[in-house]
Amino acid sequence: MNKVPITTEGAEKLRAELHRLKTVERPRIIKAIEEARSHGDLSENAEYHAAKEQQGFIEGRIAELETKFAHAQIIDPVTIKVSDRVVFGATLDLIDEHGGQEVTYQIVGEYEADISEGKISISSPIARALIGKELGDAVEVEVPDGVRRYEILAIRYI
């Protein structure tokens, strides 16, 4: 499988979640299962079944995060020396020429994309249109509600 880019900040968030799941959630659920077992008949023990279901979810998430780390290529945007071009990790100030609204996006990997935080996946239509462009360039992007035109106001690597 190909490597999937992720910023150092995104990798740290995943690492923190993995650590919490292994050191806090896993021991908590093991204790809950032990306690539920002590109540007797497991076939009619709702606490036991709920705890086992939660354990399955936690173990699945741990496996998912470990797989993501195995395929991750961690990139620190601060070390990128391409300040005049848009590449992975760039934080961009754009103006939507249709409505005149300014937006800020950071181009990140698919594991950490979250539009509510202004983080867009490198595989998104907007990011694909912006990659390789320079300060002052305008791009047209096909989005679900039509075509948008953005002008690049600033490029930062933070």
N, C-alpha and C. Protein backbone atom coordinates (compact mmCIF):
# COMPACT_ATOMS: atom_id res chain seq x y z
N MET A 1 0.84 -1.19 0.00
CA MET A 1 0.00 0.00 0.00
C MET A 1 0.88 1.24 0.00
N ASN A 2 0.41 2.28 -0.67
CA ASN A 2 1.15 3.53 -0.73
C ASN A 2 1.15 4.24 0.62
N LYS A 3 2.17 5.06 0.81
CA LYS A 3 2.24 5.86 2.03
C LYS A 3 1.21 6.99 1.93
N VAL A 4 0.61 7.31 3.07
CA VAL A 4 -0.39 8.37 3.14
C VAL A 4 0.23 9.52 3.92
N PRO A 5 0.30 10.72 3.32
CA PRO A 5 0.92 11.84 4.03
C PRO A 5 0.05 12.29 5.21
N ILE A 6 0.73 12.72 6.26
CA ILE A 6 0.06 13.26 7.44
C ILE A 6 1.01 14.29 8.05
N THR A 7 0.45 15.37 8.56
CA THR A 7 1.29 16.38 9.20
C THR A 7 1.71 15.89 10.58
N THR A 8 2.74 16.53 11.13
CA THR A 8 3.19 16.15 12.47
C THR A 8 2.08 16.38 13.49
N GLU A 9 1.31 17.44 13.32
CA GLU A 9 0.19 17.72 14.23
C GLU A 9 -0.87 16.63 14.14
N GLY A 10 -1.20 16.21 12.94
CA GLY A 10 -2.18 15.15 12.76
C GLY A 10 -1.70 13.83 13.32
N ALA A 11 -0.41 13.53 13.12
CA ALA A 11 0.16 12.29 13.67
C ALA A 11 0.13 12.31 15.20
N GLU A 12 0.39 13.48 15.78
CA GLU A 12 0.38 13.59 17.24
C GLU A 12 -1.03 13.37 17.80
N LYS A 13 -2.05 13.87 17.11
CA LYS A 13 -3.44 13.64 17.55
C LYS A 13 -3.79 12.16 17.49
N LEU A 14 -3.39 11.49 16.41
CA LEU A 14 -3.64 10.05 16.31
C LEU A 14 -2.87 9.29 17.38
N ARG A 15 -1.63 9.69 17.61
CA ARG A 15 -0.79 9.03 18.63
C ARG A 15 -1.42 9.20 20.02
N ALA A 16 -1.94 10.39 20.31
CA ALA A 16 -2.57 10.65 21.61
C ALA A 16 -3.83 9.80 21.78
N GLU A 17 -4.62 9.67 20.72
CA GLU A 17 -5.82 8.84 20.80
C GLU A 17 -5.44 7.38 21.02
N LEU A 18 -4.43 6.90 20.30
CA LEU A 18 -3.99 5.52 20.45
C LEU A 18 -3.48 5.26 21.88
N HIS A 19 -2.73 6.20 22.41
CA HIS A 19 -2.21 6.07 23.77
C HIS A 19 -3.37 6.02 24.79
N ARG A 20 -4.36 6.90 24.61
CA ARG A 20 -5.51 6.93 25.52
C ARG A 20 -6.29 5.62 25.45
N LEU A 21 -6.49 5.12 24.25
CA LEU A 21 -7.23 3.86 24.10
C LEU A 21 -6.51 2.70 24.78
N LYS A 22 -5.18 2.66 24.62
CA LYS A 22 -4.41 1.54 25.19
C LYS A 22 -4.21 1.65 26.70
N THR A 23 -4.04 2.87 27.20
CA THR A 23 -3.69 3.03 28.62
C THR A 23 -4.86 3.38 29.53
N VAL A 24 -5.94 3.91 28.97
CA VAL A 24 -7.08 4.30 29.79
C VAL A 24 -8.31 3.45 29.45
N GLU A 25 -8.71 3.46 28.20
CA GLU A 25 -9.96 2.80 27.82
C GLU A 25 -9.88 1.28 27.89
N ARG A 26 -8.80 0.71 27.37
CA ARG A 26 -8.66 -0.75 27.40
C ARG A 26 -8.68 -1.29 28.83
N PRO A 27 -7.86 -0.75 29.76
CA PRO A 27 -7.91 -1.24 31.15
C PRO A 27 -9.28 -1.03 31.82
N ARG A 28 -9.92 0.11 31.50
CA ARG A 28 -11.24 0.39 32.07
C ARG A 28 -12.25 -0.66 31.63
N ILE A 29 -12.24 -1.01 30.36
CA ILE A 29 -13.22 -1.96 29.86
C ILE A 29 -12.92 -3.38 30.35
N ILE A 30 -11.64 -3.71 30.51
CA ILE A 30 -11.28 -5.03 31.07
C ILE A 30 -11.81 -5.15 32.49
N LYS A 31 -11.67 -4.08 33.26
CA LYS A 31 -12.19 -4.07 34.63
C LYS A 31 -13.71 -4.20 34.63
N ALA A 32 -14.38 -3.52 33.71
CA ALA A 32 -15.85 -3.59 33.63
C ALA A 32 -16.30 -5.00 33.27
N ILE A 33 -15.57 -5.67 32.40
CA ILE A 33 -15.91 -7.05 32.02
C ILE A 33 -15.73 -7.98 33.23
N GLU A 34 -14.63 -7.80 33.93
CA GLU A 34 -14.39 -8.63 35.13
C GLU A 34 -15.50 -8.44 36.16
N GLU A 35 -15.90 -7.19 36.37
CA GLU A 35 -16.96 -6.90 37.33
C GLU A 35 -18.28 -7.51 36.89
N ALA A 36 -18.59 -7.40 35.60
CA ALA A 36 -19.84 -7.97 35.08
C ALA A 36 -19.84 -9.49 35.21
N ARG A 37 -18.68 -10.12 35.00
CA ARG A 37 -18.58 -11.58 35.15
C ARG A 37 -18.86 -12.01 36.58
N SER A 38 -18.47 -11.18 37.53
CA SER A 38 -18.66 -11.54 38.94
C SER A 38 -20.13 -11.56 39.35
N HIS A 39 -21.00 -10.99 38.52
CA HIS A 39 -22.43 -10.96 38.83
C HIS A 39 -23.15 -12.24 38.45
N GLY A 40 -22.42 -13.20 37.90
CA GLY A 40 -23.05 -14.51 37.64
C GLY A 40 -23.35 -14.77 36.20
N ASP A 41 -24.52 -15.33 35.93
CA ASP A 41 -24.95 -15.82 34.62
C ASP A 41 -24.70 -14.80 33.51
N LEU A 42 -23.79 -15.14 32.60
CA LEU A 42 -23.42 -14.21 31.53
C LEU A 42 -24.45 -14.14 30.42
N SER A 43 -25.27 -15.17 30.26
CA SER A 43 -26.23 -15.19 29.16
C SER A 43 -27.30 -14.11 29.32
N GLU A 44 -27.58 -13.71 30.55
CA GLU A 44 -28.60 -12.69 30.78
C GLU A 44 -28.01 -11.43 31.41
N ASN A 45 -26.72 -11.26 31.27
CA ASN A 45 -26.04 -10.14 31.91
C ASN A 45 -25.82 -9.02 30.89
N ALA A 46 -26.69 -8.01 30.92
CA ALA A 46 -26.62 -6.91 29.95
C ALA A 46 -25.33 -6.11 30.11
N GLU A 47 -24.86 -5.94 31.34
CA GLU A 47 -23.61 -5.20 31.57
C GLU A 47 -22.44 -5.89 30.88
N TYR A 48 -22.41 -7.20 30.98
CA TYR A 48 -21.33 -7.98 30.36
C TYR A 48 -21.37 -7.82 28.84
N HIS A 49 -22.55 -7.96 28.24
CA HIS A 49 -22.67 -7.86 26.79
C HIS A 49 -22.33 -6.45 26.30
N ALA A 50 -22.74 -5.43 27.04
CA ALA A 50 -22.41 -4.05 26.67
C ALA A 50 -20.91 -3.81 26.76
N ALA A 51 -20.29 -4.33 27.81
CA ALA A 51 -18.84 -4.16 27.98
C ALA A 51 -18.08 -4.89 26.88
N LYS A 52 -18.51 -6.09 26.50
CA LYS A 52 -17.85 -6.84 25.43
C LYS A 52 -18.00 -6.11 24.08
N GLU A 53 -19.17 -5.51 23.87
CA GLU A 53 -19.38 -4.76 22.63
C GLU A 53 -18.46 -3.54 22.59
N GLN A 54 -18.35 -2.86 23.72
CA GLN A 54 -17.47 -1.70 23.81
C GLN A 54 -16.00 -2.13 23.63
N GLN A 55 -15.64 -3.27 24.18
CA GLN A 55 -14.29 -3.79 24.01
C GLN A 55 -13.99 -4.04 22.53
N GLY A 56 -14.94 -4.59 21.82
CA GLY A 56 -14.78 -4.82 20.38
C GLY A 56 -14.55 -3.53 19.62
N PHE A 57 -15.31 -2.49 19.99
CA PHE A 57 -15.14 -1.19 19.35
C PHE A 57 -13.74 -0.63 19.63
N ILE A 58 -13.32 -0.68 20.88
CA ILE A 58 -12.01 -0.14 21.27
C ILE A 58 -10.88 -0.89 20.56
N GLU A 59 -10.96 -2.21 20.54
CA GLU A 59 -9.91 -3.01 19.89
C GLU A 59 -9.90 -2.75 18.38
N GLY A 60 -11.05 -2.55 17.79
CA GLY A 60 -11.13 -2.22 16.37
C GLY A 60 -10.49 -0.87 16.07
N ARG A 61 -10.77 0.10 16.92
CA ARG A 61 -10.18 1.43 16.73
C ARG A 61 -8.66 1.40 16.91
N ILE A 62 -8.18 0.63 17.89
CA ILE A 62 -6.74 0.49 18.09
C ILE A 62 -6.10 -0.10 16.84
N ALA A 63 -6.70 -1.15 16.30
CA ALA A 63 -6.17 -1.78 15.08
C ALA A 63 -6.17 -0.80 13.91
N GLU A 64 -7.24 -0.02 13.80
CA GLU A 64 -7.34 0.97 12.72
C GLU A 64 -6.23 2.02 12.83
N LEU A 65 -6.01 2.54 14.04
CA LEU A 65 -4.97 3.55 14.24
C LEU A 65 -3.58 2.98 13.98
N GLU A 66 -3.34 1.75 14.42
CA GLU A 66 -2.03 1.13 14.17
C GLU A 66 -1.79 0.94 12.67
N THR A 67 -2.83 0.58 11.92
CA THR A 67 -2.72 0.45 10.47
C THR A 67 -2.44 1.80 9.83
N LYS A 68 -3.11 2.85 10.31
CA LYS A 68 -2.85 4.19 9.77
C LYS A 68 -1.40 4.59 9.99
N PHE A 69 -0.87 4.32 11.17
CA PHE A 69 0.53 4.65 11.44
C PHE A 69 1.47 3.85 10.56
N ALA A 70 1.14 2.60 10.28
CA ALA A 70 1.99 1.76 9.44
C ALA A 70 2.09 2.30 8.02
N HIS A 71 1.04 3.01 7.57
CA HIS A 71 1.01 3.54 6.21
C HIS A 71 1.25 5.04 6.14
N ALA A 72 1.53 5.66 7.26
CA ALA A 72 1.67 7.12 7.29
C ALA A 72 3.09 7.56 6.92
N GLN A 73 3.13 8.66 6.21
CA GLN A 73 4.39 9.35 5.95
C GLN A 73 4.24 10.71 6.63
N ILE A 74 4.92 10.88 7.76
CA ILE A 74 4.78 12.09 8.56
C ILE A 74 5.63 13.20 7.96
N ILE A 75 4.98 14.34 7.69
CA ILE A 75 5.64 15.49 7.08
C ILE A 75 5.42 16.70 7.96
N ASP A 76 6.50 17.37 8.31
CA ASP A 76 6.42 18.59 9.13
C ASP A 76 6.37 19.79 8.19
N PRO A 77 5.22 20.49 8.11
CA PRO A 77 5.09 21.64 7.20
C PRO A 77 6.13 22.74 7.44
N VAL A 78 6.60 22.87 8.67
CA VAL A 78 7.58 23.92 9.00
C VAL A 78 8.89 23.70 8.25
N THR A 79 9.22 22.45 7.96
CA THR A 79 10.50 22.15 7.29
C THR A 79 10.43 22.29 5.78
N ILE A 80 9.25 22.54 5.23
CA ILE A 80 9.10 22.67 3.78
C ILE A 80 9.64 24.03 3.35
N LYS A 81 10.51 24.00 2.36
CA LYS A 81 11.19 25.22 1.90
C LYS A 81 10.67 25.72 0.56
N VAL A 82 9.39 25.52 0.30
CA VAL A 82 8.80 25.91 -0.98
C VAL A 82 7.77 27.00 -0.72
N SER A 83 8.19 28.12 -0.17
CA SER A 83 7.24 29.13 0.29
C SER A 83 6.47 29.82 -0.83
N ASP A 84 6.93 29.73 -2.07
CA ASP A 84 6.24 30.43 -3.15
C ASP A 84 5.24 29.55 -3.90
N ARG A 85 5.18 28.27 -3.56
CA ARG A 85 4.26 27.33 -4.21
C ARG A 85 3.44 26.58 -3.18
N VAL A 86 2.26 26.18 -3.60
CA VAL A 86 1.37 25.41 -2.73
C VAL A 86 1.74 23.93 -2.84
N VAL A 87 2.11 23.34 -1.70
CA VAL A 87 2.37 21.91 -1.61
C VAL A 87 1.69 21.39 -0.35
N PHE A 88 1.83 20.08 -0.12
CA PHE A 88 1.24 19.47 1.06
C PHE A 88 1.69 20.21 2.32
N GLY A 89 0.74 20.45 3.24
CA GLY A 89 1.05 21.11 4.50
C GLY A 89 0.84 22.61 4.47
N ALA A 90 0.64 23.18 3.30
CA ALA A 90 0.48 24.63 3.19
C ALA A 90 -0.80 25.09 3.87
N THR A 91 -0.71 26.23 4.55
CA THR A 91 -1.88 26.90 5.08
C THR A 91 -2.12 28.09 4.17
N LEU A 92 -3.32 28.17 3.62
CA LEU A 92 -3.63 29.16 2.59
C LEU A 92 -4.74 30.10 3.01
N ASP A 93 -4.53 31.37 2.74
CA ASP A 93 -5.62 32.34 2.85
C ASP A 93 -6.12 32.55 1.43
N LEU A 94 -7.40 32.31 1.23
CA LEU A 94 -8.01 32.42 -0.09
C LEU A 94 -9.18 33.39 -0.02
N ILE A 95 -9.50 33.95 -1.18
CA ILE A 95 -10.72 34.72 -1.26
C ILE A 95 -11.61 34.06 -2.31
N ASP A 96 -12.84 33.81 -1.91
CA ASP A 96 -13.83 33.24 -2.82
C ASP A 96 -14.34 34.42 -3.64
N GLU A 97 -13.96 34.45 -4.90
CA GLU A 97 -14.29 35.60 -5.74
C GLU A 97 -15.78 35.74 -6.01
N HIS A 98 -16.53 34.66 -5.80
CA HIS A 98 -17.98 34.72 -6.02
C HIS A 98 -18.66 35.54 -4.92
N GLY A 99 -18.32 35.28 -3.67
CA GLY A 99 -18.97 35.99 -2.57
C GLY A 99 -18.07 36.97 -1.85
N GLY A 100 -16.80 36.99 -2.21
CA GLY A 100 -15.86 37.89 -1.57
C GLY A 100 -15.46 37.47 -0.17
N GLN A 101 -15.79 36.25 0.21
CA GLN A 101 -15.49 35.76 1.56
C GLN A 101 -14.08 35.19 1.61
N GLU A 102 -13.33 35.56 2.66
CA GLU A 102 -12.00 35.00 2.87
C GLU A 102 -12.12 33.70 3.65
N VAL A 103 -11.33 32.70 3.24
CA VAL A 103 -11.28 31.42 3.95
C VAL A 103 -9.83 31.03 4.14
N THR A 104 -9.57 30.23 5.16
CA THR A 104 -8.23 29.71 5.41
C THR A 104 -8.32 28.20 5.46
N TYR A 105 -7.48 27.55 4.66
CA TYR A 105 -7.43 26.10 4.62
C TYR A 105 -5.98 25.64 4.79
N GLN A 106 -5.81 24.49 5.42
CA GLN A 106 -4.52 23.82 5.42
C GLN A 106 -4.70 22.53 4.66
N ILE A 107 -3.77 22.23 3.77
CA ILE A 107 -3.82 21.00 2.99
C ILE A 107 -3.14 19.91 3.80
N VAL A 108 -3.92 18.90 4.16
CA VAL A 108 -3.44 17.82 5.05
C VAL A 108 -3.75 16.46 4.43
N GLY A 109 -3.36 15.40 5.10
CA GLY A 109 -3.64 14.05 4.65
C GLY A 109 -5.07 13.66 4.94
N GLU A 110 -5.50 12.58 4.32
CA GLU A 110 -6.90 12.15 4.46
C GLU A 110 -7.25 11.74 5.88
N TYR A 111 -6.27 11.29 6.67
CA TYR A 111 -6.53 10.85 8.04
C TYR A 111 -6.89 12.01 8.97
N GLU A 112 -6.48 13.22 8.62
CA GLU A 112 -6.67 14.34 9.52
C GLU A 112 -7.58 15.43 8.96
N ALA A 113 -8.13 15.23 7.77
CA ALA A 113 -8.99 16.23 7.15
C ALA A 113 -10.23 16.48 8.01
N ASP A 114 -10.55 17.75 8.22
CA ASP A 114 -11.73 18.14 9.00
C ASP A 114 -12.08 19.57 8.58
N ILE A 115 -13.08 19.69 7.74
CA ILE A 115 -13.43 21.01 7.19
C ILE A 115 -13.82 21.99 8.28
N SER A 116 -14.36 21.52 9.39
CA SER A 116 -14.75 22.43 10.48
C SER A 116 -13.52 23.08 11.12
N GLU A 117 -12.35 22.45 10.96
CA GLU A 117 -11.10 23.02 11.46
C GLU A 117 -10.29 23.68 10.35
N GLY A 118 -10.86 23.75 9.14
CA GLY A 118 -10.15 24.36 8.01
C GLY A 118 -9.07 23.46 7.44
N LYS A 119 -9.17 22.16 7.66
CA LYS A 119 -8.18 21.21 7.17
C LYS A 119 -8.82 20.40 6.04
N ILE A 120 -8.25 20.55 4.83
CA ILE A 120 -8.81 19.84 3.68
C ILE A 120 -7.84 18.77 3.21
N SER A 121 -8.40 17.66 2.79
CA SER A 121 -7.60 16.52 2.32
C SER A 121 -6.89 16.88 1.02
N ILE A 122 -5.66 16.38 0.92
CA ILE A 122 -4.87 16.60 -0.30
C ILE A 122 -5.57 16.01 -1.52
N SER A 123 -6.47 15.06 -1.31
CA SER A 123 -7.18 14.46 -2.44
C SER A 123 -8.51 15.15 -2.75
N SER A 124 -8.85 16.21 -2.01
CA SER A 124 -10.10 16.93 -2.27
C SER A 124 -9.96 17.76 -3.55
N PRO A 125 -11.08 18.07 -4.20
CA PRO A 125 -11.02 18.87 -5.43
C PRO A 125 -10.35 20.24 -5.22
N ILE A 126 -10.62 20.89 -4.10
CA ILE A 126 -10.02 22.20 -3.85
C ILE A 126 -8.51 22.08 -3.71
N ALA A 127 -8.04 21.13 -2.92
CA ALA A 127 -6.60 20.95 -2.73
C ALA A 127 -5.92 20.58 -4.04
N ARG A 128 -6.52 19.67 -4.79
CA ARG A 128 -5.92 19.27 -6.08
C ARG A 128 -5.78 20.45 -7.01
N ALA A 129 -6.76 21.36 -7.00
CA ALA A 129 -6.69 22.53 -7.87
C ALA A 129 -5.61 23.51 -7.39
N LEU A 130 -5.36 23.55 -6.08
CA LEU A 130 -4.41 24.52 -5.52
C LEU A 130 -2.95 24.06 -5.57
N ILE A 131 -2.72 22.75 -5.54
CA ILE A 131 -1.34 22.23 -5.53
C ILE A 131 -0.57 22.75 -6.74
N GLY A 132 0.62 23.28 -6.45
CA GLY A 132 1.49 23.79 -7.51
C GLY A 132 1.26 25.24 -7.87
N LYS A 133 0.20 25.83 -7.37
CA LYS A 133 -0.09 27.24 -7.69
C LYS A 133 0.76 28.17 -6.83
N GLU A 134 0.80 29.45 -7.20
CA GLU A 134 1.62 30.44 -6.50
C GLU A 134 0.75 31.57 -5.96
N LEU A 135 1.35 32.38 -5.12
CA LEU A 135 0.69 33.54 -4.54
C LEU A 135 0.09 34.40 -5.65
N GLY A 136 -1.18 34.79 -5.50
CA GLY A 136 -1.85 35.63 -6.48
C GLY A 136 -2.57 34.85 -7.56
N ASP A 137 -2.27 33.56 -7.71
CA ASP A 137 -2.95 32.74 -8.72
C ASP A 137 -4.41 32.57 -8.36
N ALA A 138 -5.22 32.39 -9.38
CA ALA A 138 -6.64 32.09 -9.18
C ALA A 138 -6.90 30.70 -9.74
N VAL A 139 -7.77 29.97 -9.06
CA VAL A 139 -8.13 28.63 -9.51
C VAL A 139 -9.64 28.50 -9.54
N GLU A 140 -10.10 27.69 -10.47
CA GLU A 140 -11.52 27.35 -10.52
C GLU A 140 -11.66 25.91 -10.05
N VAL A 141 -12.64 25.69 -9.19
CA VAL A 141 -12.83 24.38 -8.60
C VAL A 141 -14.29 23.96 -8.76
N GLU A 142 -14.48 22.75 -9.26
CA GLU A 142 -15.82 22.19 -9.36
C GLU A 142 -16.18 21.61 -8.00
N VAL A 143 -17.18 22.20 -7.35
CA VAL A 143 -17.65 21.74 -6.04
C VAL A 143 -19.11 21.31 -6.20
N PRO A 144 -19.65 20.62 -5.19
CA PRO A 144 -21.03 20.11 -5.34
C PRO A 144 -22.07 21.17 -5.72
N ASP A 145 -21.89 22.42 -5.27
CA ASP A 145 -22.89 23.43 -5.61
C ASP A 145 -22.49 24.31 -6.79
N GLY A 146 -21.57 23.84 -7.63
CA GLY A 146 -21.18 24.57 -8.83
C GLY A 146 -19.68 24.80 -8.90
N VAL A 147 -19.31 25.84 -9.63
CA VAL A 147 -17.89 26.17 -9.81
C VAL A 147 -17.55 27.34 -8.90
N ARG A 148 -16.45 27.21 -8.16
CA ARG A 148 -15.96 28.28 -7.31
C ARG A 148 -14.63 28.76 -7.85
N ARG A 149 -14.38 30.04 -7.69
CA ARG A 149 -13.11 30.63 -8.12
C ARG A 149 -12.46 31.24 -6.88
N TYR A 150 -11.24 30.79 -6.59
CA TYR A 150 -10.48 31.26 -5.44
C TYR A 150 -9.21 31.94 -5.91
N GLU A 151 -8.84 33.02 -5.20
CA GLU A 151 -7.54 33.65 -5.43
C GLU A 151 -6.70 33.42 -4.18
N ILE A 152 -5.42 33.08 -4.38
CA ILE A 152 -4.52 32.80 -3.27
C ILE A 152 -3.96 34.12 -2.74
N LEU A 153 -4.30 34.44 -1.49
CA LEU A 153 -3.84 35.68 -0.86
C LEU A 153 -2.56 35.48 -0.07
N ALA A 154 -2.38 34.31 0.53
CA ALA A 154 -1.18 34.04 1.34
C ALA A 154 -0.92 32.54 1.39
N ILE A 155 0.36 32.20 1.45
CA ILE A 155 0.79 30.81 1.58
C ILE A 155 1.75 30.77 2.78
N ARG A 156 1.41 29.91 3.76
CA ARG A 156 2.28 29.78 4.93
C ARG A 156 2.52 28.31 5.21
N TYR A 157 3.65 28.02 5.83
CA TYR A 157 3.97 26.66 6.26
C TYR A 157 4.22 26.73 7.76
N ILE A 158 3.17 26.43 8.52
CA ILE A 158 3.24 26.56 9.99
C ILE A 158 2.94 25.25 10.67
